[in-house]
Every structure is written in C-alpha cells, then in structure tokens.
Amino acid sequence: RSKEGKISSRIGLERDCIELGKDDNLYEIVKLQNK
C-alpha cells in the first residue's frame, strides 16, 4: 500500500521503515541495530 521502505497513513502521516521479508529473522534485524 505504501512506498518501498515507508509506512503511510490515509491521513498523510509517513515514516521510514525496515521491510521484513517472508524469510527474514525479525529478532536478528533488531539485534543488529545500534540502539
């Protein structure tokens, strides 16, 4: 629904995001972030 790497609401609010693939490990993605 939103652009790649973005979340956007119907009222116009938008933020950058990480896209999570079907086989991606969410725990490892979070763990690799600096903070």
Full PDB file with SEQRES, HELIX, SHEET, SSBOND, CRYST1, ORIGX, SCALE, CONECT and MASTER records, all heavy atoms in Angstrom:
SEQRES   1 A   35  ARG SER LYS GLU GLY LYS ILE SER SER ARG ILE GLY LEU          
SEQRES   2 A   35  GLU ARG ASP CYS ILE GLU LEU GLY LYS ASP ASP ASN LEU          
SEQRES   3 A   35  TYR GLU ILE VAL LYS LEU GLN ASN LYS                          
HELIX    1 AA1 LEU A   26  LYS A   31  1                                   6    
SHEET    1 AA1 2 LYS A   6  SER A   8  0                                        
SHEET    2 AA1 2 GLU A  14  ASP A  16 -1                                        
CRYST1    1.000    1.000    1.000  90.00  90.00  90.00 P 1           1          
ORIGX1      1.000000  0.000000  0.000000        0.00000                         
ORIGX2      0.000000  1.000000  0.000000        0.00000                         
ORIGX3      0.000000  0.000000  1.000000        0.00000                         
SCALE1      1.000000  0.000000  0.000000        0.00000                         
SCALE2      0.000000  1.000000  0.000000        0.00000                         
SCALE3      0.000000  0.000000  1.000000        0.00000                         
ATOM      1  N   ARG A   1       0.831  -1.212   0.000  1.00  0.00           N  
ATOM      2  CA  ARG A   1       0.000   0.000   0.000  1.00  0.00           C  
ATOM      3  C   ARG A   1       0.861   1.256   0.000  1.00  0.00           C  
ATOM      4  O   ARG A   1       0.557   2.246  -0.652  1.00  0.00           O  
ATOM      5  CB  ARG A   1      -0.926  -0.003   1.223  1.00  0.00           C  
ATOM      6  CG  ARG A   1      -1.951   1.122   1.238  1.00  0.00           C  
ATOM      7  CD  ARG A   1      -2.681   1.186   2.554  1.00  0.00           C  
ATOM      8  NE  ARG A   1      -1.819   1.649   3.634  1.00  0.00           N  
ATOM      9  CZ  ARG A   1      -2.215   1.821   4.877  1.00  0.00           C  
ATOM     10  NH1 ARG A   1      -3.462   1.555   5.204  1.00  0.00           N  
ATOM     11  NH2 ARG A   1      -1.395   2.255   5.802  1.00  0.00           N  
ATOM     12  N   SER A   2       1.971   1.199   0.744  1.00  0.00           N  
ATOM     13  CA  SER A   2       2.878   2.345   0.851  1.00  0.00           C  
ATOM     14  C   SER A   2       4.088   2.143  -0.055  1.00  0.00           C  
ATOM     15  O   SER A   2       4.325   1.057  -0.584  1.00  0.00           O  
ATOM     16  CB  SER A   2       3.339   2.521   2.298  1.00  0.00           C  
ATOM     17  OG  SER A   2       2.238   2.601   3.174  1.00  0.00           O  
ATOM     18  N   LYS A   3       4.869   3.193  -0.214  1.00  0.00           N  
ATOM     19  CA  LYS A   3       6.100   3.101  -0.998  1.00  0.00           C  
ATOM     20  C   LYS A   3       7.079   2.163  -0.305  1.00  0.00           C  
ATOM     21  O   LYS A   3       6.985   1.917   0.898  1.00  0.00           O  
ATOM     22  CB  LYS A   3       6.740   4.492  -1.130  1.00  0.00           C  
ATOM     23  CG  LYS A   3       5.875   5.512  -1.841  1.00  0.00           C  
ATOM     24  CD  LYS A   3       6.547   6.870  -1.791  1.00  0.00           C  
ATOM     25  CE  LYS A   3       5.643   7.951  -2.363  1.00  0.00           C  
ATOM     26  NZ  LYS A   3       6.227   9.305  -2.197  1.00  0.00           N  
ATOM     27  N   GLU A   4       8.032   1.672  -1.064  1.00  0.00           N  
ATOM     28  CA  GLU A   4       9.048   0.784  -0.510  1.00  0.00           C  
ATOM     29  C   GLU A   4       9.850   1.513   0.569  1.00  0.00           C  
ATOM     30  O   GLU A   4      10.277   2.643   0.387  1.00  0.00           O  
ATOM     31  CB  GLU A   4       9.994   0.307  -1.615  1.00  0.00           C  
ATOM     32  CG  GLU A   4      10.982  -0.748  -1.152  1.00  0.00           C  
ATOM     33  CD  GLU A   4      11.827  -1.282  -2.286  1.00  0.00           C  
ATOM     34  OE1 GLU A   4      11.476  -1.046  -3.464  1.00  0.00           O  
ATOM     35  OE2 GLU A   4      12.848  -1.933  -2.004  1.00  0.00           O  
ATOM     36  N   GLY A   5      10.012   0.853   1.723  1.00  0.00           N  
ATOM     37  CA  GLY A   5      10.760   1.459   2.819  1.00  0.00           C  
ATOM     38  C   GLY A   5      10.002   2.542   3.558  1.00  0.00           C  
ATOM     39  O   GLY A   5      10.596   3.307   4.324  1.00  0.00           O  
ATOM     40  N   LYS A   6       8.680   2.597   3.370  1.00  0.00           N  
ATOM     41  CA  LYS A   6       7.857   3.619   4.029  1.00  0.00           C  
ATOM     42  C   LYS A   6       6.588   2.978   4.593  1.00  0.00           C  
ATOM     43  O   LYS A   6       6.090   1.982   4.068  1.00  0.00           O  
ATOM     44  CB  LYS A   6       7.430   4.708   3.032  1.00  0.00           C  
ATOM     45  CG  LYS A   6       8.560   5.472   2.372  1.00  0.00           C  
ATOM     46  CD  LYS A   6       9.062   6.594   3.250  1.00  0.00           C  
ATOM     47  CE  LYS A   6      10.074   7.460   2.508  1.00  0.00           C  
ATOM     48  NZ  LYS A   6      10.629   8.513   3.391  1.00  0.00           N  
ATOM     49  N   ILE A   7       6.061   3.560   5.653  1.00  0.00           N  
ATOM     50  CA  ILE A   7       4.675   3.302   6.038  1.00  0.00           C  
ATOM     51  C   ILE A   7       3.952   4.636   5.906  1.00  0.00           C  
ATOM     52  O   ILE A   7       4.522   5.699   6.198  1.00  0.00           O  
ATOM     53  CB  ILE A   7       4.531   2.740   7.467  1.00  0.00           C  
ATOM     54  CG1 ILE A   7       5.039   3.731   8.519  1.00  0.00           C  
ATOM     55  CG2 ILE A   7       5.225   1.407   7.604  1.00  0.00           C  
ATOM     56  CD1 ILE A   7       4.593   3.405   9.918  1.00  0.00           C  
ATOM     57  N   SER A   8       2.724   4.602   5.456  1.00  0.00           N  
ATOM     58  CA  SER A   8       1.975   5.856   5.289  1.00  0.00           C  
ATOM     59  C   SER A   8       0.518   5.623   5.663  1.00  0.00           C  
ATOM     60  O   SER A   8      -0.069   4.586   5.336  1.00  0.00           O  
ATOM     61  CB  SER A   8       2.078   6.370   3.851  1.00  0.00           C  
ATOM     62  OG  SER A   8       1.648   5.394   2.934  1.00  0.00           O  
ATOM     63  N   SER A   9      -0.040   6.597   6.348  1.00  0.00           N  
ATOM     64  CA  SER A   9      -1.439   6.506   6.772  1.00  0.00           C  
ATOM     65  C   SER A   9      -2.325   7.224   5.769  1.00  0.00           C  
ATOM     66  O   SER A   9      -1.859   8.030   4.955  1.00  0.00           O  
ATOM     67  CB  SER A   9      -1.609   7.129   8.156  1.00  0.00           C  
ATOM     68  OG  SER A   9      -1.480   8.534   8.078  1.00  0.00           O  
ATOM     69  N   ARG A  10      -3.611   6.955   5.847  1.00  0.00           N  
ATOM     70  CA  ARG A  10      -4.553   7.584   4.921  1.00  0.00           C  
ATOM     71  C   ARG A  10      -4.724   9.080   5.178  1.00  0.00           C  
ATOM     72  O   ARG A  10      -5.238   9.794   4.342  1.00  0.00           O  
ATOM     73  CB  ARG A  10      -5.912   6.874   5.010  1.00  0.00           C  
ATOM     74  CG  ARG A  10      -5.892   5.471   4.427  1.00  0.00           C  
ATOM     75  CD  ARG A  10      -7.243   4.775   4.570  1.00  0.00           C  
ATOM     76  NE  ARG A  10      -7.261   3.481   3.913  1.00  0.00           N  
ATOM     77  CZ  ARG A  10      -6.803   2.348   4.447  1.00  0.00           C  
ATOM     78  NH1 ARG A  10      -6.290   2.367   5.680  1.00  0.00           N  
ATOM     79  NH2 ARG A  10      -6.856   1.221   3.780  1.00  0.00           N  
ATOM     80  N   ILE A  11      -4.280   9.558   6.355  1.00  0.00           N  
ATOM     81  CA  ILE A  11      -4.386  10.992   6.637  1.00  0.00           C  
ATOM     82  C   ILE A  11      -3.083  11.723   6.324  1.00  0.00           C  
ATOM     83  O   ILE A  11      -2.950  12.904   6.617  1.00  0.00           O  
ATOM     84  CB  ILE A  11      -4.805  11.250   8.098  1.00  0.00           C  
ATOM     85  CG1 ILE A  11      -3.753  10.718   9.082  1.00  0.00           C  
ATOM     86  CG2 ILE A  11      -6.167  10.662   8.382  1.00  0.00           C  
ATOM     87  CD1 ILE A  11      -3.998  11.131  10.522  1.00  0.00           C  
ATOM     88  N   GLY A  12      -2.110  11.001   5.729  1.00  0.00           N  
ATOM     89  CA  GLY A  12      -0.901  11.659   5.243  1.00  0.00           C  
ATOM     90  C   GLY A  12       0.347  11.517   6.090  1.00  0.00           C  
ATOM     91  O   GLY A  12       1.417  11.993   5.697  1.00  0.00           O  
ATOM     92  N   LEU A  13       0.257  10.885   7.254  1.00  0.00           N  
ATOM     93  CA  LEU A  13       1.448  10.672   8.073  1.00  0.00           C  
ATOM     94  C   LEU A  13       2.309   9.581   7.443  1.00  0.00           C  
ATOM     95  O   LEU A  13       1.795   8.577   6.958  1.00  0.00           O  
ATOM     96  CB  LEU A  13       1.070  10.289   9.500  1.00  0.00           C  
ATOM     97  CG  LEU A  13       0.287  11.321  10.309  1.00  0.00           C  
ATOM     98  CD1 LEU A  13      -0.030  10.776  11.695  1.00  0.00           C  
ATOM     99  CD2 LEU A  13       1.077  12.619  10.431  1.00  0.00           C  
ATOM    100  N   GLU A  14       3.635   9.794   7.465  1.00  0.00           N  
ATOM    101  CA  GLU A  14       4.539   8.853   6.809  1.00  0.00           C  
ATOM    102  C   GLU A  14       5.833   8.736   7.591  1.00  0.00           C  
ATOM    103  O   GLU A  14       6.306   9.709   8.188  1.00  0.00           O  
ATOM    104  CB  GLU A  14       4.832   9.329   5.374  1.00  0.00           C  
ATOM    105  CG  GLU A  14       5.647   8.368   4.551  1.00  0.00           C  
ATOM    106  CD  GLU A  14       5.839   8.862   3.124  1.00  0.00           C  
ATOM    107  OE1 GLU A  14       6.739   9.703   2.907  1.00  0.00           O  
ATOM    108  OE2 GLU A  14       5.089   8.398   2.234  1.00  0.00           O  
ATOM    109  N   ARG A  15       6.418   7.532   7.588  1.00  0.00           N  
ATOM    110  CA  ARG A  15       7.695   7.305   8.263  1.00  0.00           C  
ATOM    111  C   ARG A  15       8.520   6.293   7.482  1.00  0.00           C  
ATOM    112  O   ARG A  15       7.978   5.422   6.798  1.00  0.00           O  
ATOM    113  CB  ARG A  15       7.485   6.759   9.683  1.00  0.00           C  
ATOM    114  CG  ARG A  15       6.994   7.758  10.692  1.00  0.00           C  
ATOM    115  CD  ARG A  15       7.120   7.182  12.083  1.00  0.00           C  
ATOM    116  NE  ARG A  15       8.507   7.059  12.489  1.00  0.00           N  
ATOM    117  CZ  ARG A  15       9.158   7.968  13.205  1.00  0.00           C  
ATOM    118  NH1 ARG A  15       8.543   9.065  13.613  1.00  0.00           N  
ATOM    119  NH2 ARG A  15      10.409   7.780  13.538  1.00  0.00           N  
ATOM    120  N   ASP A  16       9.844   6.422   7.625  1.00  0.00           N  
ATOM    121  CA  ASP A  16      10.734   5.391   7.085  1.00  0.00           C  
ATOM    122  C   ASP A  16      10.583   4.129   7.914  1.00  0.00           C  
ATOM    123  O   ASP A  16      10.273   4.183   9.106  1.00  0.00           O  
ATOM    124  CB  ASP A  16      12.189   5.859   7.137  1.00  0.00           C  
ATOM    125  CG  ASP A  16      12.465   7.022   6.192  1.00  0.00           C  
ATOM    126  OD1 ASP A  16      11.724   7.157   5.191  1.00  0.00           O  
ATOM    127  OD2 ASP A  16      13.399   7.799   6.460  1.00  0.00           O  
ATOM    128  N   CYS A  17      10.808   2.989   7.270  1.00  0.00           N  
ATOM    129  CA  CYS A  17      10.707   1.726   7.998  1.00  0.00           C  
ATOM    130  C   CYS A  17      11.632   0.690   7.373  1.00  0.00           C  
ATOM    131  O   CYS A  17      12.136   0.865   6.264  1.00  0.00           O  
ATOM    132  CB  CYS A  17       9.268   1.219   8.003  1.00  0.00           C  
ATOM    133  SG  CYS A  17       8.703   0.618   6.389  1.00  0.00           S  
ATOM    134  N   ILE A  18      11.842  -0.373   8.107  1.00  0.00           N  
ATOM    135  CA  ILE A  18      12.547  -1.546   7.592  1.00  0.00           C  
ATOM    136  C   ILE A  18      11.498  -2.517   7.079  1.00  0.00           C  
ATOM    137  O   ILE A  18      10.498  -2.771   7.747  1.00  0.00           O  
ATOM    138  CB  ILE A  18      13.399  -2.204   8.693  1.00  0.00           C  
ATOM    139  CG1 ILE A  18      14.588  -1.313   9.042  1.00  0.00           C  
ATOM    140  CG2 ILE A  18      13.886  -3.585   8.250  1.00  0.00           C  
ATOM    141  CD1 ILE A  18      15.436  -1.852  10.180  1.00  0.00           C  
ATOM    142  N   GLU A  19      11.716  -3.054   5.881  1.00  0.00           N  
ATOM    143  CA  GLU A  19      10.787  -4.039   5.330  1.00  0.00           C  
ATOM    144  C   GLU A  19      11.215  -5.439   5.751  1.00  0.00           C  
ATOM    145  O   GLU A  19      12.385  -5.799   5.654  1.00  0.00           O  
ATOM    146  CB  GLU A  19      10.720  -3.921   3.810  1.00  0.00           C  
ATOM    147  CG  GLU A  19      10.134  -2.604   3.346  1.00  0.00           C  
ATOM    148  CD  GLU A  19       9.441  -2.706   2.008  1.00  0.00           C  
ATOM    149  OE1 GLU A  19       9.404  -3.814   1.434  1.00  0.00           O  
ATOM    150  OE2 GLU A  19       8.925  -1.686   1.536  1.00  0.00           O  
ATOM    151  N   LEU A  20      10.250  -6.207   6.203  1.00  0.00           N  
ATOM    152  CA  LEU A  20      10.503  -7.548   6.711  1.00  0.00           C  
ATOM    153  C   LEU A  20      10.028  -8.571   5.687  1.00  0.00           C  
ATOM    154  O   LEU A  20       8.842  -8.677   5.407  1.00  0.00           O  
ATOM    155  CB  LEU A  20       9.764  -7.746   8.039  1.00  0.00           C  
ATOM    156  CG  LEU A  20       9.976  -9.056   8.777  1.00  0.00           C  
ATOM    157  CD1 LEU A  20      11.403  -9.148   9.328  1.00  0.00           C  
ATOM    158  CD2 LEU A  20       8.971  -9.187   9.917  1.00  0.00           C  
ATOM    159  N   GLY A  21      10.983  -9.314   5.104  1.00  0.00           N  
ATOM    160  CA  GLY A  21      10.640 -10.330   4.124  1.00  0.00           C  
ATOM    161  C   GLY A  21      10.089 -11.588   4.766  1.00  0.00           C  
ATOM    162  O   GLY A  21      10.221 -11.797   5.977  1.00  0.00           O  
ATOM    163  N   LYS A  22       9.495 -12.421   3.948  1.00  0.00           N  
ATOM    164  CA  LYS A  22       8.859 -13.649   4.427  1.00  0.00           C  
ATOM    165  C   LYS A  22       9.815 -14.535   5.220  1.00  0.00           C  
ATOM    166  O   LYS A  22       9.435 -15.131   6.223  1.00  0.00           O  
ATOM    167  CB  LYS A  22       8.310 -14.416   3.220  1.00  0.00           C  
ATOM    168  CG  LYS A  22       7.550 -15.674   3.571  1.00  0.00           C  
ATOM    169  CD  LYS A  22       6.985 -16.330   2.324  1.00  0.00           C  
ATOM    170  CE  LYS A  22       6.235 -17.604   2.678  1.00  0.00           C  
ATOM    171  NZ  LYS A  22       5.658 -18.257   1.470  1.00  0.00           N  
ATOM    172  N   ASP A  23      11.070 -14.615   4.789  1.00  0.00           N  
ATOM    173  CA  ASP A  23      12.042 -15.491   5.441  1.00  0.00           C  
ATOM    174  C   ASP A  23      13.002 -14.746   6.367  1.00  0.00           C  
ATOM    175  O   ASP A  23      13.911 -15.357   6.938  1.00  0.00           O  
ATOM    176  CB  ASP A  23      12.850 -16.254   4.385  1.00  0.00           C  
ATOM    177  CG  ASP A  23      11.968 -17.144   3.521  1.00  0.00           C  
ATOM    178  OD1 ASP A  23      11.050 -17.781   4.079  1.00  0.00           O  
ATOM    179  OD2 ASP A  23      12.183 -17.190   2.295  1.00  0.00           O  
ATOM    180  N   ASP A  24      12.835 -13.421   6.497  1.00  0.00           N  
ATOM    181  CA  ASP A  24      13.727 -12.632   7.357  1.00  0.00           C  
ATOM    182  C   ASP A  24      13.506 -12.961   8.829  1.00  0.00           C  
ATOM    183  O   ASP A  24      12.386 -13.275   9.252  1.00  0.00           O  
ATOM    184  CB  ASP A  24      13.508 -11.133   7.137  1.00  0.00           C  
ATOM    185  CG  ASP A  24      14.022 -10.668   5.781  1.00  0.00           C  
ATOM    186  OD1 ASP A  24      14.818 -11.407   5.174  1.00  0.00           O  
ATOM    187  OD2 ASP A  24      13.629  -9.573   5.340  1.00  0.00           O  
ATOM    188  N   ASN A  25      14.580 -12.847   9.600  1.00  0.00           N  
ATOM    189  CA  ASN A  25      14.518 -13.077  11.043  1.00  0.00           C  
ATOM    190  C   ASN A  25      14.394 -11.734  11.753  1.00  0.00           C  
ATOM    191  O   ASN A  25      15.351 -10.956  11.793  1.00  0.00           O  
ATOM    192  CB  ASN A  25      15.776 -13.815  11.507  1.00  0.00           C  
ATOM    193  CG  ASN A  25      15.684 -14.258  12.956  1.00  0.00           C  
ATOM    194  OD1 ASN A  25      15.358 -13.476  13.843  1.00  0.00           O  
ATOM    195  ND2 ASN A  25      15.979 -15.522  13.210  1.00  0.00           N  
ATOM    196  N   LEU A  26      13.228 -11.463  12.285  1.00  0.00           N  
ATOM    197  CA  LEU A  26      12.971 -10.173  12.930  1.00  0.00           C  
ATOM    198  C   LEU A  26      13.888  -9.954  14.127  1.00  0.00           C  
ATOM    199  O   LEU A  26      14.394  -8.846  14.344  1.00  0.00           O  
ATOM    200  CB  LEU A  26      11.498 -10.103  13.339  1.00  0.00           C  
ATOM    201  CG  LEU A  26      10.949  -8.753  13.808  1.00  0.00           C  
ATOM    202  CD1 LEU A  26       9.481  -8.648  13.451  1.00  0.00           C  
ATOM    203  CD2 LEU A  26      11.125  -8.558  15.307  1.00  0.00           C  
ATOM    204  N   TYR A  27      14.112 -10.996  14.890  1.00  0.00           N  
ATOM    205  CA  TYR A  27      14.986 -10.897  16.074  1.00  0.00           C  
ATOM    206  C   TYR A  27      16.386 -10.466  15.673  1.00  0.00           C  
ATOM    207  O   TYR A  27      16.971  -9.567  16.293  1.00  0.00           O  
ATOM    208  CB  TYR A  27      15.024 -12.243  16.791  1.00  0.00           C  
ATOM    209  CG  TYR A  27      16.007 -12.306  17.939  1.00  0.00           C  
ATOM    210  CD1 TYR A  27      15.675 -11.799  19.189  1.00  0.00           C  
ATOM    211  CD2 TYR A  27      17.266 -12.882  17.771  1.00  0.00           C  
ATOM    212  CE1 TYR A  27      16.578 -11.857  20.249  1.00  0.00           C  
ATOM    213  CE2 TYR A  27      18.172 -12.945  18.816  1.00  0.00           C  
ATOM    214  CZ  TYR A  27      17.821 -12.430  20.052  1.00  0.00           C  
ATOM    215  OH  TYR A  27      18.720 -12.488  21.093  1.00  0.00           O  
ATOM    216  N   GLU A  28      16.941 -11.055  14.612  1.00  0.00           N  
ATOM    217  CA  GLU A  28      18.291 -10.714  14.176  1.00  0.00           C  
ATOM    218  C   GLU A  28      18.352  -9.291  13.624  1.00  0.00           C  
ATOM    219  O   GLU A  28      19.337  -8.578  13.817  1.00  0.00           O  
ATOM    220  CB  GLU A  28      18.772 -11.712  13.116  1.00  0.00           C  
ATOM    221  CG  GLU A  28      18.988 -13.123  13.638  1.00  0.00           C  
ATOM    222  CD  GLU A  28      20.068 -13.192  14.719  1.00  0.00           C  
ATOM    223  OE1 GLU A  28      20.991 -12.364  14.686  1.00  0.00           O  
ATOM    224  OE2 GLU A  28      19.965 -14.067  15.604  1.00  0.00           O  
ATOM    225  N   ILE A  29      17.292  -8.870  12.942  1.00  0.00           N  
ATOM    226  CA  ILE A  29      17.248  -7.497  12.407  1.00  0.00           C  
ATOM    227  C   ILE A  29      17.307  -6.486  13.543  1.00  0.00           C  
ATOM    228  O   ILE A  29      18.060  -5.517  13.487  1.00  0.00           O  
ATOM    229  CB  ILE A  29      15.968  -7.295  11.561  1.00  0.00           C  
ATOM    230  CG1 ILE A  29      16.093  -8.054  10.239  1.00  0.00           C  
ATOM    231  CG2 ILE A  29      15.712  -5.809  11.293  1.00  0.00           C  
ATOM    232  CD1 ILE A  29      14.824  -8.064   9.412  1.00  0.00           C  
ATOM    233  N   VAL A  30      16.513  -6.713  14.575  1.00  0.00           N  
ATOM    234  CA  VAL A  30      16.506  -5.785  15.714  1.00  0.00           C  
ATOM    235  C   VAL A  30      17.841  -5.829  16.457  1.00  0.00           C  
ATOM    236  O   VAL A  30      18.386  -4.802  16.844  1.00  0.00           O  
ATOM    237  CB  VAL A  30      15.333  -6.128  16.674  1.00  0.00           C  
ATOM    238  CG1 VAL A  30      15.368  -5.214  17.902  1.00  0.00           C  
ATOM    239  CG2 VAL A  30      13.994  -6.000  15.953  1.00  0.00           C  
ATOM    240  N   LYS A  31      18.375  -7.020  16.613  1.00  0.00           N  
ATOM    241  CA  LYS A  31      19.625  -7.209  17.350  1.00  0.00           C  
ATOM    242  C   LYS A  31      20.794  -6.485  16.678  1.00  0.00           C  
ATOM    243  O   LYS A  31      21.716  -6.007  17.349  1.00  0.00           O  
ATOM    244  CB  LYS A  31      19.928  -8.706  17.456  1.00  0.00           C  
ATOM    245  CG  LYS A  31      21.059  -9.062  18.408  1.00  0.00           C  
ATOM    246  CD  LYS A  31      21.218 -10.575  18.487  1.00  0.00           C  
ATOM    247  CE  LYS A  31      22.391 -10.956  19.380  1.00  0.00           C  
ATOM    248  NZ  LYS A  31      22.549 -12.436  19.424  1.00  0.00           N  
ATOM    249  N   LEU A  32      20.765  -6.365  15.350  1.00  0.00           N  
ATOM    250  CA  LEU A  32      21.860  -5.737  14.609  1.00  0.00           C  
ATOM    251  C   LEU A  32      21.829  -4.207  14.665  1.00  0.00           C  
ATOM    252  O   LEU A  32      22.791  -3.557  14.269  1.00  0.00           O  
ATOM    253  CB  LEU A  32      21.822  -6.188  13.141  1.00  0.00           C  
ATOM    254  CG  LEU A  32      22.260  -7.636  12.878  1.00  0.00           C  
ATOM    255  CD1 LEU A  32      21.994  -8.015  11.427  1.00  0.00           C  
ATOM    256  CD2 LEU A  32      23.739  -7.821  13.227  1.00  0.00           C  
ATOM    257  N   GLN A  33      20.729  -3.634  15.131  1.00  0.00           N  
ATOM    258  CA  GLN A  33      20.639  -2.174  15.213  1.00  0.00           C  
ATOM    259  C   GLN A  33      21.532  -1.655  16.340  1.00  0.00           C  
ATOM    260  O   GLN A  33      21.747  -2.337  17.337  1.00  0.00           O  
ATOM    261  CB  GLN A  33      19.188  -1.737  15.471  1.00  0.00           C  
ATOM    262  CG  GLN A  33      18.179  -2.295  14.486  1.00  0.00           C  
ATOM    263  CD  GLN A  33      18.482  -1.961  13.051  1.00  0.00           C  
ATOM    264  OE1 GLN A  33      18.694  -0.807  12.695  1.00  0.00           O  
ATOM    265  NE2 GLN A  33      18.506  -2.977  12.204  1.00  0.00           N  
ATOM    266  N   ASN A  34      22.046  -0.445  16.162  1.00  0.00           N  
ATOM    267  CA  ASN A  34      22.915   0.145  17.185  1.00  0.00           C  
ATOM    268  C   ASN A  34      22.193   0.308  18.515  1.00  0.00           C  
ATOM    269  O   ASN A  34      22.703  -0.031  19.568  1.00  0.00           O  
ATOM    270  CB  ASN A  34      23.439   1.511  16.715  1.00  0.00           C  
ATOM    271  CG  ASN A  34      24.471   1.357  15.617  1.00  0.00           C  
ATOM    272  OD1 ASN A  34      25.187   0.363  15.575  1.00  0.00           O  
ATOM    273  ND2 ASN A  34      24.529   2.331  14.714  1.00  0.00           N  
ATOM    274  N   LYS A  35      20.977   0.853  18.451  1.00  0.00           N  
ATOM    275  CA  LYS A  35      20.183   1.048  19.668  1.00  0.00           C  
ATOM    276  C   LYS A  35      18.716   1.109  19.284  1.00  0.00           C  
ATOM    277  O   LYS A  35      18.341   1.809  18.340  1.00  0.00           O  
ATOM    278  CB  LYS A  35      20.602   2.333  20.395  1.00  0.00           C  
ATOM    279  CG  LYS A  35      19.805   2.597  21.679  1.00  0.00           C  
ATOM    280  CD  LYS A  35      20.363   3.781  22.444  1.00  0.00           C  
ATOM    281  CE  LYS A  35      19.451   4.206  23.599  1.00  0.00           C  
ATOM    282  NZ  LYS A  35      19.141   3.099  24.524  1.00  0.00           N  
TER     283      LYS A  35                                                      
MASTER        0    0    0    1    2    0    0    6  282    1    0    3          
END                                                                             
